[in-house]
Amino acid sequence: QFARELTREDAFSTLAQEAEAIAPG
């Protein structure tokens, strides 16, 4: 729903990088 511009192969790694840049909470 929210990463349609990314390939299926790249989507989870990109989302993980974006989430890891955010502090816990």
mmCIF file of all heavy atoms, coordinates in Angstrom:
data_MODEL
# 
_entry.id   MODEL 
# 
loop_
_atom_site.group_PDB 
_atom_site.id 
_atom_site.type_symbol 
_atom_site.label_atom_id 
_atom_site.label_alt_id 
_atom_site.label_comp_id 
_atom_site.label_asym_id 
_atom_site.label_entity_id 
_atom_site.label_seq_id 
_atom_site.pdbx_PDB_ins_code 
_atom_site.Cartn_x 
_atom_site.Cartn_y 
_atom_site.Cartn_z 
_atom_site.occupancy 
_atom_site.B_iso_or_equiv 
_atom_site.pdbx_formal_charge 
_atom_site.auth_seq_id 
_atom_site.auth_comp_id 
_atom_site.auth_asym_id 
_atom_site.auth_atom_id 
_atom_site.pdbx_PDB_model_num 
ATOM 1   N N   . GLN A 1 1  ? 0.802  -1.219  0.000  1.00 0.00 ? 1  GLN A N   1 
ATOM 2   C CA  . GLN A 1 1  ? 0.000  0.000   0.000  1.00 0.00 ? 1  GLN A CA  1 
ATOM 3   C C   . GLN A 1 1  ? 0.839  1.276   0.000  1.00 0.00 ? 1  GLN A C   1 
ATOM 4   O O   . GLN A 1 1  ? 0.428  2.285   -0.578 1.00 0.00 ? 1  GLN A O   1 
ATOM 5   C CB  . GLN A 1 1  ? -0.932 0.017   1.223  1.00 0.00 ? 1  GLN A CB  1 
ATOM 6   C CG  . GLN A 1 1  ? -1.868 -1.169  1.299  1.00 0.00 ? 1  GLN A CG  1 
ATOM 7   C CD  . GLN A 1 1  ? -2.705 -1.342  0.041  1.00 0.00 ? 1  GLN A CD  1 
ATOM 8   O OE1 . GLN A 1 1  ? -3.174 -0.372  -0.551 1.00 0.00 ? 1  GLN A OE1 1 
ATOM 9   N NE2 . GLN A 1 1  ? -2.873 -2.583  -0.381 1.00 0.00 ? 1  GLN A NE2 1 
ATOM 10  N N   . PHE A 1 2  ? 2.015  1.252   0.612  1.00 0.00 ? 2  PHE A N   1 
ATOM 11  C CA  . PHE A 1 2  ? 2.772  2.479   0.835  1.00 0.00 ? 2  PHE A CA  1 
ATOM 12  C C   . PHE A 1 2  ? 4.173  2.472   0.224  1.00 0.00 ? 2  PHE A C   1 
ATOM 13  O O   . PHE A 1 2  ? 4.927  3.430   0.403  1.00 0.00 ? 2  PHE A O   1 
ATOM 14  C CB  . PHE A 1 2  ? 2.891  2.760   2.344  1.00 0.00 ? 2  PHE A CB  1 
ATOM 15  C CG  . PHE A 1 2  ? 1.566  2.933   3.013  1.00 0.00 ? 2  PHE A CG  1 
ATOM 16  C CD1 . PHE A 1 2  ? 1.042  1.941   3.825  1.00 0.00 ? 2  PHE A CD1 1 
ATOM 17  C CD2 . PHE A 1 2  ? 0.807  4.091   2.810  1.00 0.00 ? 2  PHE A CD2 1 
ATOM 18  C CE1 . PHE A 1 2  ? -0.193 2.092   4.438  1.00 0.00 ? 2  PHE A CE1 1 
ATOM 19  C CE2 . PHE A 1 2  ? -0.421 4.248   3.410  1.00 0.00 ? 2  PHE A CE2 1 
ATOM 20  C CZ  . PHE A 1 2  ? -0.924 3.251   4.228  1.00 0.00 ? 2  PHE A CZ  1 
ATOM 21  N N   . ALA A 1 3  ? 4.517  1.411   -0.498 1.00 0.00 ? 3  ALA A N   1 
ATOM 22  C CA  . ALA A 1 3  ? 5.836  1.368   -1.146 1.00 0.00 ? 3  ALA A CA  1 
ATOM 23  C C   . ALA A 1 3  ? 5.699  0.848   -2.567 1.00 0.00 ? 3  ALA A C   1 
ATOM 24  O O   . ALA A 1 3  ? 6.538  0.101   -3.057 1.00 0.00 ? 3  ALA A O   1 
ATOM 25  C CB  . ALA A 1 3  ? 6.789  0.498   -0.332 1.00 0.00 ? 3  ALA A CB  1 
ATOM 26  N N   . ARG A 1 4  ? 4.652  1.292   -3.233 1.00 0.00 ? 4  ARG A N   1 
ATOM 27  C CA  . ARG A 1 4  ? 4.377  0.781   -4.577 1.00 0.00 ? 4  ARG A CA  1 
ATOM 28  C C   . ARG A 1 4  ? 5.416  1.213   -5.603 1.00 0.00 ? 4  ARG A C   1 
ATOM 29  O O   . ARG A 1 4  ? 5.580  0.566   -6.643 1.00 0.00 ? 4  ARG A O   1 
ATOM 30  C CB  . ARG A 1 4  ? 2.996  1.243   -5.028 1.00 0.00 ? 4  ARG A CB  1 
ATOM 31  C CG  . ARG A 1 4  ? 1.850  0.636   -4.228 1.00 0.00 ? 4  ARG A CG  1 
ATOM 32  C CD  . ARG A 1 4  ? 0.500  1.141   -4.689 1.00 0.00 ? 4  ARG A CD  1 
ATOM 33  N NE  . ARG A 1 4  ? -0.593 0.576   -3.913 1.00 0.00 ? 4  ARG A NE  1 
ATOM 34  C CZ  . ARG A 1 4  ? -1.855 0.910   -4.064 1.00 0.00 ? 4  ARG A CZ  1 
ATOM 35  N NH1 . ARG A 1 4  ? -2.195 1.811   -4.978 1.00 0.00 ? 4  ARG A NH1 1 
ATOM 36  N NH2 . ARG A 1 4  ? -2.798 0.344   -3.311 1.00 0.00 ? 4  ARG A NH2 1 
ATOM 37  N N   . GLU A 1 5  ? 6.141  2.310   -5.308 1.00 0.00 ? 5  GLU A N   1 
ATOM 38  C CA  . GLU A 1 5  ? 7.145  2.777   -6.267 1.00 0.00 ? 5  GLU A CA  1 
ATOM 39  C C   . GLU A 1 5  ? 8.416  1.934   -6.219 1.00 0.00 ? 5  GLU A C   1 
ATOM 40  O O   . GLU A 1 5  ? 9.290  2.051   -7.092 1.00 0.00 ? 5  GLU A O   1 
ATOM 41  C CB  . GLU A 1 5  ? 7.493  4.247   -5.977 1.00 0.00 ? 5  GLU A CB  1 
ATOM 42  C CG  . GLU A 1 5  ? 8.467  4.491   -4.825 1.00 0.00 ? 5  GLU A CG  1 
ATOM 43  C CD  . GLU A 1 5  ? 7.829  4.373   -3.446 1.00 0.00 ? 5  GLU A CD  1 
ATOM 44  O OE1 . GLU A 1 5  ? 6.644  3.993   -3.364 1.00 0.00 ? 5  GLU A OE1 1 
ATOM 45  O OE2 . GLU A 1 5  ? 8.516  4.673   -2.453 1.00 0.00 ? 5  GLU A OE2 1 
ATOM 46  N N   . LEU A 1 6  ? 8.522  1.082   -5.199 1.00 0.00 ? 6  LEU A N   1 
ATOM 47  C CA  . LEU A 1 6  ? 9.708  0.245   -5.031 1.00 0.00 ? 6  LEU A CA  1 
ATOM 48  C C   . LEU A 1 6  ? 9.454  -1.149  -5.592 1.00 0.00 ? 6  LEU A C   1 
ATOM 49  O O   . LEU A 1 6  ? 8.329  -1.643  -5.593 1.00 0.00 ? 6  LEU A O   1 
ATOM 50  C CB  . LEU A 1 6  ? 10.069 0.129   -3.552 1.00 0.00 ? 6  LEU A CB  1 
ATOM 51  C CG  . LEU A 1 6  ? 10.341 1.443   -2.815 1.00 0.00 ? 6  LEU A CG  1 
ATOM 52  C CD1 . LEU A 1 6  ? 10.512 1.178   -1.319 1.00 0.00 ? 6  LEU A CD1 1 
ATOM 53  C CD2 . LEU A 1 6  ? 11.574 2.123   -3.383 1.00 0.00 ? 6  LEU A CD2 1 
ATOM 54  N N   . THR A 1 7  ? 10.508 -1.790  -6.074 1.00 0.00 ? 7  THR A N   1 
ATOM 55  C CA  . THR A 1 7  ? 10.371 -3.176  -6.514 1.00 0.00 ? 7  THR A CA  1 
ATOM 56  C C   . THR A 1 7  ? 10.159 -4.059  -5.292 1.00 0.00 ? 7  THR A C   1 
ATOM 57  O O   . THR A 1 7  ? 10.537 -3.711  -4.171 1.00 0.00 ? 7  THR A O   1 
ATOM 58  C CB  . THR A 1 7  ? 11.627 -3.647  -7.258 1.00 0.00 ? 7  THR A CB  1 
ATOM 59  O OG1 . THR A 1 7  ? 12.732 -3.674  -6.344 1.00 0.00 ? 7  THR A OG1 1 
ATOM 60  C CG2 . THR A 1 7  ? 11.956 -2.721  -8.421 1.00 0.00 ? 7  THR A CG2 1 
ATOM 61  N N   . ARG A 1 8  ? 9.579  -5.225  -5.508 1.00 0.00 ? 8  ARG A N   1 
ATOM 62  C CA  . ARG A 1 8  ? 9.345  -6.146  -4.398 1.00 0.00 ? 8  ARG A CA  1 
ATOM 63  C C   . ARG A 1 8  ? 10.666 -6.545  -3.741 1.00 0.00 ? 8  ARG A C   1 
ATOM 64  O O   . ARG A 1 8  ? 10.733 -6.781  -2.545 1.00 0.00 ? 8  ARG A O   1 
ATOM 65  C CB  . ARG A 1 8  ? 8.601  -7.394  -4.892 1.00 0.00 ? 8  ARG A CB  1 
ATOM 66  C CG  . ARG A 1 8  ? 7.165  -7.107  -5.333 1.00 0.00 ? 8  ARG A CG  1 
ATOM 67  C CD  . ARG A 1 8  ? 6.506  -8.367  -5.874 1.00 0.00 ? 8  ARG A CD  1 
ATOM 68  N NE  . ARG A 1 8  ? 6.229  -9.338  -4.846 1.00 0.00 ? 8  ARG A NE  1 
ATOM 69  C CZ  . ARG A 1 8  ? 5.090  -9.396  -4.153 1.00 0.00 ? 8  ARG A CZ  1 
ATOM 70  N NH1 . ARG A 1 8  ? 4.144  -8.488  -4.374 1.00 0.00 ? 8  ARG A NH1 1 
ATOM 71  N NH2 . ARG A 1 8  ? 4.908  -10.322 -3.247 1.00 0.00 ? 8  ARG A NH2 1 
ATOM 72  N N   . GLU A 1 9  ? 11.742 -6.610  -4.546 1.00 0.00 ? 9  GLU A N   1 
ATOM 73  C CA  . GLU A 1 9  ? 13.041 -7.003  -4.013 1.00 0.00 ? 9  GLU A CA  1 
ATOM 74  C C   . GLU A 1 9  ? 13.635 -5.924  -3.110 1.00 0.00 ? 9  GLU A C   1 
ATOM 75  O O   . GLU A 1 9  ? 14.317 -6.222  -2.123 1.00 0.00 ? 9  GLU A O   1 
ATOM 76  C CB  . GLU A 1 9  ? 14.022 -7.316  -5.154 1.00 0.00 ? 9  GLU A CB  1 
ATOM 77  C CG  . GLU A 1 9  ? 13.664 -8.542  -5.994 1.00 0.00 ? 9  GLU A CG  1 
ATOM 78  C CD  . GLU A 1 9  ? 12.502 -8.303  -6.949 1.00 0.00 ? 9  GLU A CD  1 
ATOM 79  O OE1 . GLU A 1 9  ? 12.185 -7.125  -7.217 1.00 0.00 ? 9  GLU A OE1 1 
ATOM 80  O OE2 . GLU A 1 9  ? 11.897 -9.295  -7.409 1.00 0.00 ? 9  GLU A OE2 1 
ATOM 81  N N   . ASP A 1 10 ? 13.387 -4.652  -3.436 1.00 0.00 ? 10 ASP A N   1 
ATOM 82  C CA  . ASP A 1 10 ? 14.000 -3.547  -2.686 1.00 0.00 ? 10 ASP A CA  1 
ATOM 83  C C   . ASP A 1 10 ? 13.118 -3.004  -1.569 1.00 0.00 ? 10 ASP A C   1 
ATOM 84  O O   . ASP A 1 10 ? 13.610 -2.294  -0.677 1.00 0.00 ? 10 ASP A O   1 
ATOM 85  C CB  . ASP A 1 10 ? 14.322 -2.384  -3.638 1.00 0.00 ? 10 ASP A CB  1 
ATOM 86  C CG  . ASP A 1 10 ? 15.377 -2.771  -4.662 1.00 0.00 ? 10 ASP A CG  1 
ATOM 87  O OD1 . ASP A 1 10 ? 16.147 -3.710  -4.394 1.00 0.00 ? 10 ASP A OD1 1 
ATOM 88  O OD2 . ASP A 1 10 ? 15.419 -2.125  -5.725 1.00 0.00 ? 10 ASP A OD2 1 
ATOM 89  N N   . ALA A 1 11 ? 11.830 -3.310  -1.601 1.00 0.00 ? 11 ALA A N   1 
ATOM 90  C CA  . ALA A 1 11 ? 10.888 -2.618  -0.725 1.00 0.00 ? 11 ALA A CA  1 
ATOM 91  C C   . ALA A 1 11 ? 11.195 -2.825  0.749  1.00 0.00 ? 11 ALA A C   1 
ATOM 92  O O   . ALA A 1 11 ? 11.283 -1.856  1.515  1.00 0.00 ? 11 ALA A O   1 
ATOM 93  C CB  . ALA A 1 11 ? 9.458  -3.073  -1.037 1.00 0.00 ? 11 ALA A CB  1 
ATOM 94  N N   . PHE A 1 12 ? 11.381 -4.066  1.185  1.00 0.00 ? 12 PHE A N   1 
ATOM 95  C CA  . PHE A 1 12 ? 11.563 -4.307  2.613  1.00 0.00 ? 12 PHE A CA  1 
ATOM 96  C C   . PHE A 1 12 ? 12.863 -3.723  3.134  1.00 0.00 ? 12 PHE A C   1 
ATOM 97  O O   . PHE A 1 12 ? 12.912 -3.197  4.252  1.00 0.00 ? 12 PHE A O   1 
ATOM 98  C CB  . PHE A 1 12 ? 11.477 -5.799  2.929  1.00 0.00 ? 12 PHE A CB  1 
ATOM 99  C CG  . PHE A 1 12 ? 10.069 -6.343  2.944  1.00 0.00 ? 12 PHE A CG  1 
ATOM 100 C CD1 . PHE A 1 12 ? 9.754  -7.513  2.289  1.00 0.00 ? 12 PHE A CD1 1 
ATOM 101 C CD2 . PHE A 1 12 ? 9.063  -5.671  3.619  1.00 0.00 ? 12 PHE A CD2 1 
ATOM 102 C CE1 . PHE A 1 12 ? 8.463  -8.022  2.302  1.00 0.00 ? 12 PHE A CE1 1 
ATOM 103 C CE2 . PHE A 1 12 ? 7.759  -6.159  3.640  1.00 0.00 ? 12 PHE A CE2 1 
ATOM 104 C CZ  . PHE A 1 12 ? 7.461  -7.338  2.976  1.00 0.00 ? 12 PHE A CZ  1 
ATOM 105 N N   . SER A 1 13 ? 13.936 -3.790  2.345  1.00 0.00 ? 13 SER A N   1 
ATOM 106 C CA  . SER A 1 13 ? 15.203 -3.208  2.812  1.00 0.00 ? 13 SER A CA  1 
ATOM 107 C C   . SER A 1 13 ? 15.091 -1.691  2.911  1.00 0.00 ? 13 SER A C   1 
ATOM 108 O O   . SER A 1 13 ? 15.602 -1.080  3.862  1.00 0.00 ? 13 SER A O   1 
ATOM 109 C CB  . SER A 1 13 ? 16.355 -3.609  1.887  1.00 0.00 ? 13 SER A CB  1 
ATOM 110 O OG  . SER A 1 13 ? 16.137 -3.135  0.565  1.00 0.00 ? 13 SER A OG  1 
ATOM 111 N N   . THR A 1 14 ? 14.400 -1.057  1.963  1.00 0.00 ? 14 THR A N   1 
ATOM 112 C CA  . THR A 1 14 ? 14.223 0.395   2.018  1.00 0.00 ? 14 THR A CA  1 
ATOM 113 C C   . THR A 1 14 ? 13.361 0.799   3.207  1.00 0.00 ? 14 THR A C   1 
ATOM 114 O O   . THR A 1 14 ? 13.685 1.744   3.944  1.00 0.00 ? 14 THR A O   1 
ATOM 115 C CB  . THR A 1 14 ? 13.585 0.893   0.710  1.00 0.00 ? 14 THR A CB  1 
ATOM 116 O OG1 . THR A 1 14 ? 14.439 0.564   -0.385 1.00 0.00 ? 14 THR A OG1 1 
ATOM 117 C CG2 . THR A 1 14 ? 13.361 2.403   0.750  1.00 0.00 ? 14 THR A CG2 1 
ATOM 118 N N   . LEU A 1 15 ? 12.261 0.088   3.415  1.00 0.00 ? 15 LEU A N   1 
ATOM 119 C CA  . LEU A 1 15 ? 11.398 0.391   4.550  1.00 0.00 ? 15 LEU A CA  1 
ATOM 120 C C   . LEU A 1 15 ? 12.143 0.188   5.875  1.00 0.00 ? 15 LEU A C   1 
ATOM 121 O O   . LEU A 1 15 ? 11.980 0.973   6.818  1.00 0.00 ? 15 LEU A O   1 
ATOM 122 C CB  . LEU A 1 15 ? 10.152 -0.498  4.519  1.00 0.00 ? 15 LEU A CB  1 
ATOM 123 C CG  . LEU A 1 15 ? 9.140  -0.202  3.404  1.00 0.00 ? 15 LEU A CG  1 
ATOM 124 C CD1 . LEU A 1 15 ? 8.069  -1.286  3.360  1.00 0.00 ? 15 LEU A CD1 1 
ATOM 125 C CD2 . LEU A 1 15 ? 8.500  1.166   3.588  1.00 0.00 ? 15 LEU A CD2 1 
ATOM 126 N N   . ALA A 1 16 ? 12.960 -0.854  5.951  1.00 0.00 ? 16 ALA A N   1 
ATOM 127 C CA  . ALA A 1 16 ? 13.727 -1.104  7.174  1.00 0.00 ? 16 ALA A CA  1 
ATOM 128 C C   . ALA A 1 16 ? 14.695 0.041   7.453  1.00 0.00 ? 16 ALA A C   1 
ATOM 129 O O   . ALA A 1 16 ? 14.827 0.495   8.600  1.00 0.00 ? 16 ALA A O   1 
ATOM 130 C CB  . ALA A 1 16 ? 14.475 -2.428  7.066  1.00 0.00 ? 16 ALA A CB  1 
ATOM 131 N N   . GLN A 1 17 ? 15.361 0.528   6.417  1.00 0.00 ? 17 GLN A N   1 
ATOM 132 C CA  . GLN A 1 17 ? 16.298 1.644   6.592  1.00 0.00 ? 17 GLN A CA  1 
ATOM 133 C C   . GLN A 1 17 ? 15.566 2.897   7.076  1.00 0.00 ? 17 GLN A C   1 
ATOM 134 O O   . GLN A 1 17 ? 16.048 3.611   7.963  1.00 0.00 ? 17 GLN A O   1 
ATOM 135 C CB  . GLN A 1 17 ? 17.014 1.936   5.271  1.00 0.00 ? 17 GLN A CB  1 
ATOM 136 C CG  . GLN A 1 17 ? 18.006 0.859   4.855  1.00 0.00 ? 17 GLN A CG  1 
ATOM 137 C CD  . GLN A 1 17 ? 18.513 1.058   3.441  1.00 0.00 ? 17 GLN A CD  1 
ATOM 138 O OE1 . GLN A 1 17 ? 18.266 2.087   2.804  1.00 0.00 ? 17 GLN A OE1 1 
ATOM 139 N NE2 . GLN A 1 17 ? 19.215 0.059   2.922  1.00 0.00 ? 17 GLN A NE2 1 
ATOM 140 N N   . GLU A 1 18 ? 14.393 3.151   6.506  1.00 0.00 ? 18 GLU A N   1 
ATOM 141 C CA  . GLU A 1 18 ? 13.621 4.328   6.917  1.00 0.00 ? 18 GLU A CA  1 
ATOM 142 C C   . GLU A 1 18 ? 13.168 4.189   8.376  1.00 0.00 ? 18 GLU A C   1 
ATOM 143 O O   . GLU A 1 18 ? 13.216 5.160   9.150  1.00 0.00 ? 18 GLU A O   1 
ATOM 144 C CB  . GLU A 1 18 ? 12.405 4.499   6.006  1.00 0.00 ? 18 GLU A CB  1 
ATOM 145 C CG  . GLU A 1 18 ? 12.765 4.887   4.577  1.00 0.00 ? 18 GLU A CG  1 
ATOM 146 C CD  . GLU A 1 18 ? 11.545 4.985   3.667  1.00 0.00 ? 18 GLU A CD  1 
ATOM 147 O OE1 . GLU A 1 18 ? 10.411 4.787   4.171  1.00 0.00 ? 18 GLU A OE1 1 
ATOM 148 O OE2 . GLU A 1 18 ? 11.721 5.251   2.464  1.00 0.00 ? 18 GLU A OE2 1 
ATOM 149 N N   . ALA A 1 19 ? 12.757 2.990   8.767  1.00 0.00 ? 19 ALA A N   1 
ATOM 150 C CA  . ALA A 1 19 ? 12.289 2.784   10.138 1.00 0.00 ? 19 ALA A CA  1 
ATOM 151 C C   . ALA A 1 19 ? 13.437 2.847   11.135 1.00 0.00 ? 19 ALA A C   1 
ATOM 152 O O   . ALA A 1 19 ? 13.276 3.376   12.251 1.00 0.00 ? 19 ALA A O   1 
ATOM 153 C CB  . ALA A 1 19 ? 11.571 1.442   10.242 1.00 0.00 ? 19 ALA A CB  1 
ATOM 154 N N   . GLU A 1 20 ? 14.599 2.321   10.760 1.00 0.00 ? 20 GLU A N   1 
ATOM 155 C CA  . GLU A 1 20 ? 15.752 2.337   11.667 1.00 0.00 ? 20 GLU A CA  1 
ATOM 156 C C   . GLU A 1 20 ? 16.277 3.747   11.897 1.00 0.00 ? 20 GLU A C   1 
ATOM 157 O O   . GLU A 1 20 ? 16.955 3.997   12.908 1.00 0.00 ? 20 GLU A O   1 
ATOM 158 C CB  . GLU A 1 20 ? 16.853 1.433   11.112 1.00 0.00 ? 20 GLU A CB  1 
ATOM 159 C CG  . GLU A 1 20 ? 16.526 -0.059  11.263 1.00 0.00 ? 20 GLU A CG  1 
ATOM 160 C CD  . GLU A 1 20 ? 17.451 -0.948  10.457 1.00 0.00 ? 20 GLU A CD  1 
ATOM 161 O OE1 . GLU A 1 20 ? 18.366 -0.408  9.784  1.00 0.00 ? 20 GLU A OE1 1 
ATOM 162 O OE2 . GLU A 1 20 ? 17.252 -2.178  10.484 1.00 0.00 ? 20 GLU A OE2 1 
ATOM 163 N N   . ALA A 1 21 ? 15.952 4.662   11.015 1.00 0.00 ? 21 ALA A N   1 
ATOM 164 C CA  . ALA A 1 21 ? 16.372 6.056   11.196 1.00 0.00 ? 21 ALA A CA  1 
ATOM 165 C C   . ALA A 1 21 ? 15.492 6.788   12.212 1.00 0.00 ? 21 ALA A C   1 
ATOM 166 O O   . ALA A 1 21 ? 15.807 7.915   12.603 1.00 0.00 ? 21 ALA A O   1 
ATOM 167 C CB  . ALA A 1 21 ? 16.334 6.789   9.854  1.00 0.00 ? 21 ALA A CB  1 
ATOM 168 N N   . ILE A 1 22 ? 14.393 6.166   12.629 1.00 0.00 ? 22 ILE A N   1 
ATOM 169 C CA  . ILE A 1 22 ? 13.470 6.752   13.597 1.00 0.00 ? 22 ILE A CA  1 
ATOM 170 C C   . ILE A 1 22 ? 13.763 6.179   14.979 1.00 0.00 ? 22 ILE A C   1 
ATOM 171 O O   . ILE A 1 22 ? 14.027 4.986   15.133 1.00 0.00 ? 22 ILE A O   1 
ATOM 172 C CB  . ILE A 1 22 ? 12.006 6.434   13.203 1.00 0.00 ? 22 ILE A CB  1 
ATOM 173 C CG1 . ILE A 1 22 ? 11.725 6.854   11.747 1.00 0.00 ? 22 ILE A CG1 1 
ATOM 174 C CG2 . ILE A 1 22 ? 11.041 7.103   14.168 1.00 0.00 ? 22 ILE A CG2 1 
ATOM 175 C CD1 . ILE A 1 22 ? 11.936 8.313   11.458 1.00 0.00 ? 22 ILE A CD1 1 
ATOM 176 N N   . ALA A 1 23 ? 13.717 6.990   15.994 1.00 0.00 ? 23 ALA A N   1 
ATOM 177 C CA  . ALA A 1 23 ? 13.998 6.539   17.363 1.00 0.00 ? 23 ALA A CA  1 
ATOM 178 C C   . ALA A 1 23 ? 12.900 5.609   17.860 1.00 0.00 ? 23 ALA A C   1 
ATOM 179 O O   . ALA A 1 23 ? 11.739 5.713   17.424 1.00 0.00 ? 23 ALA A O   1 
ATOM 180 C CB  . ALA A 1 23 ? 14.118 7.744   18.290 1.00 0.00 ? 23 ALA A CB  1 
ATOM 181 N N   . PRO A 1 24 ? 13.236 4.685   18.771 1.00 0.00 ? 24 PRO A N   1 
ATOM 182 C CA  . PRO A 1 24 ? 12.203 3.841   19.377 1.00 0.00 ? 24 PRO A CA  1 
ATOM 183 C C   . PRO A 1 24 ? 11.062 4.690   19.947 1.00 0.00 ? 24 PRO A C   1 
ATOM 184 O O   . PRO A 1 24 ? 11.282 5.750   20.524 1.00 0.00 ? 24 PRO A O   1 
ATOM 185 C CB  . PRO A 1 24 ? 12.962 3.113   20.499 1.00 0.00 ? 24 PRO A CB  1 
ATOM 186 C CG  . PRO A 1 24 ? 14.373 3.057   20.013 1.00 0.00 ? 24 PRO A CG  1 
ATOM 187 C CD  . PRO A 1 24 ? 14.590 4.353   19.271 1.00 0.00 ? 24 PRO A CD  1 
ATOM 188 N N   . GLY A 1 25 ? 9.844  4.206   19.741 1.00 0.00 ? 25 GLY A N   1 
ATOM 189 C CA  . GLY A 1 25 ? 8.668  4.956   20.150 1.00 0.00 ? 25 GLY A CA  1 
ATOM 190 C C   . GLY A 1 25 ? 8.015  5.698   19.012 1.00 0.00 ? 25 GLY A C   1 
ATOM 191 O O   . GLY A 1 25 ? 6.906  6.216   19.149 1.00 0.00 ? 25 GLY A O   1 
# 
